[in-house]
N, C-alpha and C. Protein backbone atom coordinates (compact mmCIF):
# COMPACT_ATOMS: atom_id res chain seq x y z
N MET A 1 18.59 2.97 -0.21
CA MET A 1 17.50 3.49 -0.56
C MET A 1 17.19 4.66 0.32
N SER A 2 16.73 5.82 -0.07
CA SER A 2 16.31 6.92 0.63
C SER A 2 15.13 6.85 0.83
N PHE A 3 14.59 7.89 1.72
CA PHE A 3 13.01 7.96 1.99
C PHE A 3 12.15 8.46 1.04
N ASP A 4 12.94 9.39 0.07
CA ASP A 4 12.12 9.81 -1.06
C ASP A 4 12.30 9.22 -2.26
N SER A 5 13.12 7.97 -2.38
CA SER A 5 13.23 7.27 -3.65
C SER A 5 12.30 6.05 -3.82
N PRO A 6 12.26 5.50 -5.00
CA PRO A 6 11.31 4.29 -5.14
C PRO A 6 11.91 3.18 -4.46
N GLN A 7 10.94 2.41 -3.89
CA GLN A 7 11.42 1.16 -3.53
C GLN A 7 11.90 0.18 -4.36
N TYR A 8 11.40 0.14 -5.40
CA TYR A 8 11.60 -0.68 -6.55
C TYR A 8 11.72 -0.37 -7.82
N GLY A 9 10.84 0.72 -8.11
CA GLY A 9 10.81 1.44 -9.54
C GLY A 9 11.79 2.34 -9.71
N GLU A 10 11.91 2.92 -10.99
CA GLU A 10 13.08 3.91 -11.34
C GLU A 10 12.28 5.24 -11.61
N VAL A 11 12.85 6.19 -11.12
CA VAL A 11 12.23 7.52 -11.47
C VAL A 11 13.13 8.30 -12.40
N SER A 12 12.90 9.08 -13.14
CA SER A 12 13.65 10.03 -14.04
C SER A 12 13.78 11.19 -13.43
N ALA A 13 14.89 12.04 -13.86
CA ALA A 13 14.95 13.42 -13.31
C ALA A 13 13.61 14.15 -13.56
N GLY A 14 12.95 13.84 -14.36
CA GLY A 14 11.70 14.71 -14.64
C GLY A 14 10.56 14.40 -13.82
N GLN A 15 10.63 13.11 -13.26
CA GLN A 15 9.46 12.53 -12.54
C GLN A 15 9.91 12.01 -11.14
N PRO A 16 10.03 13.10 -10.22
CA PRO A 16 10.56 12.72 -8.87
C PRO A 16 9.53 11.85 -7.94
N ALA A 17 10.08 11.14 -7.12
CA ALA A 17 9.08 10.20 -6.34
C ALA A 17 9.28 11.03 -5.07
N LEU A 18 8.38 11.86 -4.83
CA LEU A 18 8.44 12.65 -3.46
C LEU A 18 7.71 11.84 -2.39
N ALA A 19 8.28 11.77 -1.25
CA ALA A 19 7.89 10.99 -0.15
C ALA A 19 6.47 11.67 0.33
N GLY A 20 6.16 12.69 0.30
CA GLY A 20 5.06 13.49 0.62
C GLY A 20 3.75 12.81 -0.37
N GLU A 21 4.02 12.71 -1.66
CA GLU A 21 3.00 12.12 -2.38
C GLU A 21 2.97 10.61 -2.17
N ARG A 22 3.87 9.77 -1.87
CA ARG A 22 3.72 8.22 -1.56
C ARG A 22 3.00 8.26 -0.14
N ARG A 23 3.32 8.91 0.88
CA ARG A 23 2.57 8.87 1.89
C ARG A 23 0.99 9.27 1.87
N ALA A 24 0.85 10.32 0.89
CA ALA A 24 -0.54 10.54 0.87
C ALA A 24 -1.35 9.55 0.07
N TYR A 25 -0.94 8.82 -0.81
CA TYR A 25 -1.46 7.88 -1.50
C TYR A 25 -1.80 6.49 -0.39
N LEU A 26 -0.61 6.35 0.38
CA LEU A 26 -0.71 5.19 1.34
C LEU A 26 -1.78 5.68 2.51
N THR A 27 -1.96 7.00 2.94
CA THR A 27 -2.92 7.23 3.76
C THR A 27 -4.51 7.16 3.29
N ALA A 28 -4.61 7.41 1.73
CA ALA A 28 -5.90 7.22 1.20
C ALA A 28 -6.21 5.65 1.29
N LEU A 29 -5.22 4.95 0.74
CA LEU A 29 -5.47 3.43 0.92
C LEU A 29 -5.93 2.87 2.19
N ASP A 30 -5.29 3.57 3.29
CA ASP A 30 -5.32 3.44 4.61
C ASP A 30 -6.88 3.43 5.08
N ALA A 31 -7.27 4.69 4.49
CA ALA A 31 -8.82 4.97 4.67
C ALA A 31 -9.71 3.90 3.89
N ALA A 32 -9.61 3.58 2.66
CA ALA A 32 -10.11 2.69 1.98
C ALA A 32 -10.27 1.35 2.63
N VAL A 33 -9.14 0.66 3.18
CA VAL A 33 -9.22 -0.42 3.96
C VAL A 33 -9.79 -0.54 5.12
N VAL A 34 -9.78 0.56 5.80
CA VAL A 34 -10.76 0.90 6.96
C VAL A 34 -12.22 0.68 6.79
N ALA A 35 -12.41 1.46 5.50
CA ALA A 35 -13.99 1.61 5.20
C ALA A 35 -14.46 0.39 4.86
N ARG A 36 -13.65 -0.66 4.32
CA ARG A 36 -14.07 -1.89 3.77
C ARG A 36 -14.54 -2.93 4.86
N GLY A 37 -13.58 -2.68 5.86
CA GLY A 37 -13.96 -3.42 7.02
C GLY A 37 -13.08 -4.92 7.00
N GLY A 38 -13.07 -5.28 8.09
CA GLY A 38 -12.40 -6.78 8.02
C GLY A 38 -11.11 -6.79 8.35
N MET A 39 -10.27 -5.71 8.25
CA MET A 39 -8.93 -5.37 8.29
C MET A 39 -8.58 -4.13 9.13
N SER A 40 -7.29 -4.19 9.64
CA SER A 40 -6.84 -3.10 10.51
C SER A 40 -5.72 -2.65 9.82
N CYS A 41 -5.08 -1.50 10.04
CA CYS A 41 -3.68 -1.05 9.06
C CYS A 41 -3.28 0.36 9.83
N GLY A 42 -2.16 0.58 9.14
CA GLY A 42 -1.42 1.83 9.59
C GLY A 42 -0.15 2.05 8.78
N VAL A 43 0.15 3.19 8.48
CA VAL A 43 1.38 3.44 7.67
C VAL A 43 2.58 3.57 8.90
N VAL A 44 3.45 2.74 8.13
CA VAL A 44 4.83 2.31 9.17
C VAL A 44 5.71 2.61 8.53
N PRO A 45 7.14 2.89 8.85
CA PRO A 45 8.51 2.81 8.11
C PRO A 45 9.12 1.63 8.01
N ARG A 46 9.67 1.40 6.79
CA ARG A 46 10.30 0.12 6.56
C ARG A 46 11.53 0.52 5.84
N ALA A 47 12.76 0.31 6.26
CA ALA A 47 13.86 0.65 5.54
C ALA A 47 13.95 2.18 5.03
N GLY A 48 13.47 3.09 5.98
CA GLY A 48 13.09 4.57 5.62
C GLY A 48 12.14 4.82 4.76
N THR A 49 11.21 3.99 4.31
CA THR A 49 10.06 4.25 3.29
C THR A 49 8.65 3.87 3.96
N PRO A 50 7.87 4.57 4.01
CA PRO A 50 6.61 4.36 4.31
C PRO A 50 5.87 3.22 3.62
N VAL A 51 5.10 2.25 4.41
CA VAL A 51 4.49 1.14 3.75
C VAL A 51 3.14 1.17 4.53
N LEU A 52 2.14 0.75 4.09
CA LEU A 52 0.91 0.51 4.69
C LEU A 52 0.80 -1.15 5.10
N HIS A 53 1.00 -1.27 6.51
CA HIS A 53 0.87 -2.65 7.06
C HIS A 53 -0.35 -2.95 7.34
N VAL A 54 -0.91 -3.95 6.80
CA VAL A 54 -2.54 -4.59 6.96
C VAL A 54 -2.45 -5.91 7.43
N ILE A 55 -3.51 -6.07 8.59
CA ILE A 55 -3.66 -7.24 9.19
C ILE A 55 -5.21 -7.75 8.94
N ASN A 56 -5.40 -8.95 9.01
CA ASN A 56 -6.78 -9.40 8.97
C ASN A 56 -7.31 -9.39 10.51
N ALA A 57 -8.35 -8.48 10.61
CA ALA A 57 -8.78 -8.31 12.12
C ALA A 57 -9.38 -9.38 12.91
N GLU A 58 -9.58 -10.49 12.25
CA GLU A 58 -10.07 -11.63 13.07
C GLU A 58 -8.90 -12.69 12.99
N SER A 59 -7.68 -12.58 12.26
CA SER A 59 -6.53 -13.46 12.26
C SER A 59 -5.45 -12.75 12.19
N PRO A 60 -4.94 -11.89 13.32
CA PRO A 60 -3.75 -10.70 13.20
C PRO A 60 -2.35 -11.33 12.66
N ARG A 61 -2.32 -12.66 12.82
CA ARG A 61 -1.01 -13.38 12.19
C ARG A 61 -1.06 -13.22 10.67
N ARG A 62 -2.12 -13.09 10.03
CA ARG A 62 -2.08 -12.77 8.52
C ARG A 62 -1.96 -11.33 8.31
N SER A 63 -0.81 -11.00 7.72
CA SER A 63 -0.49 -9.60 7.38
C SER A 63 0.28 -9.41 6.17
N VAL A 64 -0.05 -8.33 5.35
CA VAL A 64 0.80 -7.89 4.26
C VAL A 64 1.20 -6.22 4.53
N GLU A 65 2.37 -6.12 3.69
CA GLU A 65 2.62 -4.58 3.64
C GLU A 65 2.55 -4.16 2.16
N VAL A 66 2.10 -2.83 2.10
CA VAL A 66 1.76 -2.47 0.74
C VAL A 66 2.61 -1.12 0.60
N GLY A 67 3.42 -1.04 -0.57
CA GLY A 67 4.31 0.27 -0.77
C GLY A 67 3.45 0.72 -1.87
N CYS A 68 4.29 2.18 -2.34
CA CYS A 68 3.78 2.94 -3.24
C CYS A 68 4.82 3.37 -4.26
N ASP A 69 4.93 3.06 -5.37
CA ASP A 69 6.13 3.36 -6.06
C ASP A 69 5.90 4.09 -7.41
N PHE A 70 6.44 4.72 -7.90
CA PHE A 70 6.32 5.61 -9.17
C PHE A 70 7.17 4.71 -10.27
N VAL A 71 6.09 3.95 -10.95
CA VAL A 71 6.49 2.76 -11.88
C VAL A 71 6.25 3.13 -13.15
N ASP A 72 6.97 3.11 -14.34
CA ASP A 72 6.63 3.28 -15.91
C ASP A 72 5.65 4.57 -15.88
N GLY A 73 6.13 5.52 -15.19
CA GLY A 73 5.29 7.00 -15.34
C GLY A 73 4.19 7.13 -14.54
N ALA A 74 3.84 6.05 -13.67
CA ALA A 74 2.73 6.57 -12.89
C ALA A 74 2.91 5.81 -11.51
N TRP A 75 2.32 6.47 -10.65
CA TRP A 75 2.20 5.91 -9.20
C TRP A 75 1.26 4.56 -9.15
N ARG A 76 1.76 3.63 -8.25
CA ARG A 76 1.28 2.35 -8.31
C ARG A 76 1.31 1.88 -6.95
N PHE A 77 0.39 0.90 -6.40
CA PHE A 77 0.49 0.28 -5.16
C PHE A 77 1.19 -1.10 -5.54
N VAL A 78 2.24 -1.39 -4.70
CA VAL A 78 2.85 -2.51 -5.04
C VAL A 78 3.01 -3.36 -3.56
N TRP A 79 3.07 -4.69 -3.59
CA TRP A 79 3.29 -5.56 -2.50
C TRP A 79 4.83 -5.05 -2.01
N ALA A 80 4.96 -4.64 -0.89
CA ALA A 80 5.87 -4.26 -0.19
C ALA A 80 7.21 -5.48 -0.43
N ALA A 81 7.07 -6.56 -0.21
CA ALA A 81 7.82 -7.76 0.03
C ALA A 81 8.49 -7.93 -1.40
N THR A 82 7.68 -7.96 -2.48
CA THR A 82 8.21 -8.37 -3.74
C THR A 82 8.45 -7.15 -4.78
N GLY A 83 7.60 -5.91 -4.60
CA GLY A 83 7.61 -5.06 -5.62
C GLY A 83 6.51 -5.17 -6.47
N GLU A 84 5.91 -6.39 -6.50
CA GLU A 84 4.92 -6.66 -7.72
C GLU A 84 3.67 -5.76 -7.74
N THR A 85 3.27 -5.26 -8.55
CA THR A 85 2.24 -4.26 -8.66
C THR A 85 0.91 -4.92 -8.35
N ILE A 86 0.20 -4.05 -7.49
CA ILE A 86 -1.26 -4.59 -7.12
C ILE A 86 -2.28 -3.67 -7.96
N GLY A 87 -1.91 -2.52 -8.05
CA GLY A 87 -2.76 -1.74 -8.96
C GLY A 87 -2.49 0.00 -8.91
N PRO A 88 -2.98 0.46 -9.94
CA PRO A 88 -2.73 2.14 -9.82
C PRO A 88 -3.37 2.89 -8.57
N VAL A 89 -2.69 3.87 -8.17
CA VAL A 89 -3.29 4.45 -7.05
C VAL A 89 -4.70 5.07 -7.15
N ASP A 90 -5.14 5.13 -8.34
CA ASP A 90 -6.57 5.54 -8.73
C ASP A 90 -7.53 4.61 -8.52
N ASP A 91 -7.23 3.37 -8.31
CA ASP A 91 -8.18 2.37 -8.18
C ASP A 91 -8.11 1.60 -6.69
N ALA A 92 -8.36 2.43 -5.87
CA ALA A 92 -8.19 2.06 -4.38
C ALA A 92 -9.27 0.78 -4.18
N THR A 93 -10.44 0.79 -4.81
CA THR A 93 -11.27 -0.30 -4.48
C THR A 93 -10.85 -1.55 -4.96
N GLY A 94 -10.18 -1.53 -6.14
CA GLY A 94 -9.50 -3.11 -6.56
C GLY A 94 -8.47 -3.20 -5.69
N VAL A 95 -7.41 -2.34 -5.45
CA VAL A 95 -6.40 -2.70 -4.56
C VAL A 95 -6.87 -3.17 -3.23
N VAL A 96 -7.87 -2.42 -2.55
CA VAL A 96 -8.31 -3.00 -1.41
C VAL A 96 -8.65 -4.67 -1.28
N ASP A 97 -9.82 -4.75 -2.57
CA ASP A 97 -10.03 -6.07 -2.90
C ASP A 97 -8.99 -7.16 -2.84
N ALA A 98 -7.85 -6.81 -3.59
CA ALA A 98 -6.70 -7.73 -3.78
C ALA A 98 -6.05 -7.88 -2.31
N ILE A 99 -6.03 -6.80 -1.44
CA ILE A 99 -5.35 -7.00 -0.30
C ILE A 99 -6.49 -8.02 0.78
N ALA A 100 -7.83 -7.75 0.72
CA ALA A 100 -8.65 -8.55 1.38
C ALA A 100 -8.45 -10.05 0.89
N ARG A 101 -8.45 -10.26 -0.27
CA ARG A 101 -8.25 -11.60 -1.06
C ARG A 101 -7.15 -12.21 -0.35
N SER A 102 -5.85 -11.40 -0.34
CA SER A 102 -4.59 -12.17 0.23
C SER A 102 -4.77 -12.50 1.54
N LEU A 103 -5.41 -11.65 2.44
CA LEU A 103 -5.59 -11.84 3.70
C LEU A 103 -6.88 -12.84 4.18
N GLY A 104 -7.89 -13.19 3.20
CA GLY A 104 -8.85 -13.94 3.55
C GLY A 104 -9.77 -13.34 4.21
N THR A 105 -10.09 -11.88 4.01
CA THR A 105 -10.79 -11.32 5.04
C THR A 105 -12.49 -11.16 4.58
N HIS A 106 -13.19 -10.75 5.08
CA HIS A 106 -14.77 -10.64 4.87
C HIS A 106 -15.29 -9.50 5.07
N ALA A 107 -15.67 -8.80 4.24
CA ALA A 107 -16.14 -7.20 4.19
C ALA A 107 -17.21 -7.19 5.54
N GLY A 108 -17.09 -5.91 6.01
CA GLY A 108 -17.82 -5.91 7.05
C GLY A 108 -17.71 -6.09 8.55
N VAL A 109 -16.46 -6.82 8.62
CA VAL A 109 -15.79 -7.13 9.91
C VAL A 109 -14.98 -6.33 10.49
N ILE A 110 -15.37 -5.63 11.45
CA ILE A 110 -14.55 -4.51 12.09
C ILE A 110 -14.33 -4.87 13.49
N ARG A 111 -12.80 -4.66 13.78
CA ARG A 111 -12.65 -4.84 15.13
C ARG A 111 -11.69 -3.72 15.68
């Protein structure tokens, strides 16, 4: 897998998955996670591909990694471990809620 190819989805020649786009979407999600509270996060490389590593601020051992792939003609946030879609990149609030539920966090808790 290269840095600018999808981790799980397929990309046609007419729809390239650019590393800059992936990183931009993950950076925007990073800001949304921080704004919600209860979690800490950062964009880190995994197997040459950037992912968002998110932890529960009160229980740092609880963590998830979120990727961003071009799937079925659209950019989507995915669980990095499985490739399962969390939601489209234009629904950061819904994706952040799903991440918070998976980590058992509460809004407004910032550390």
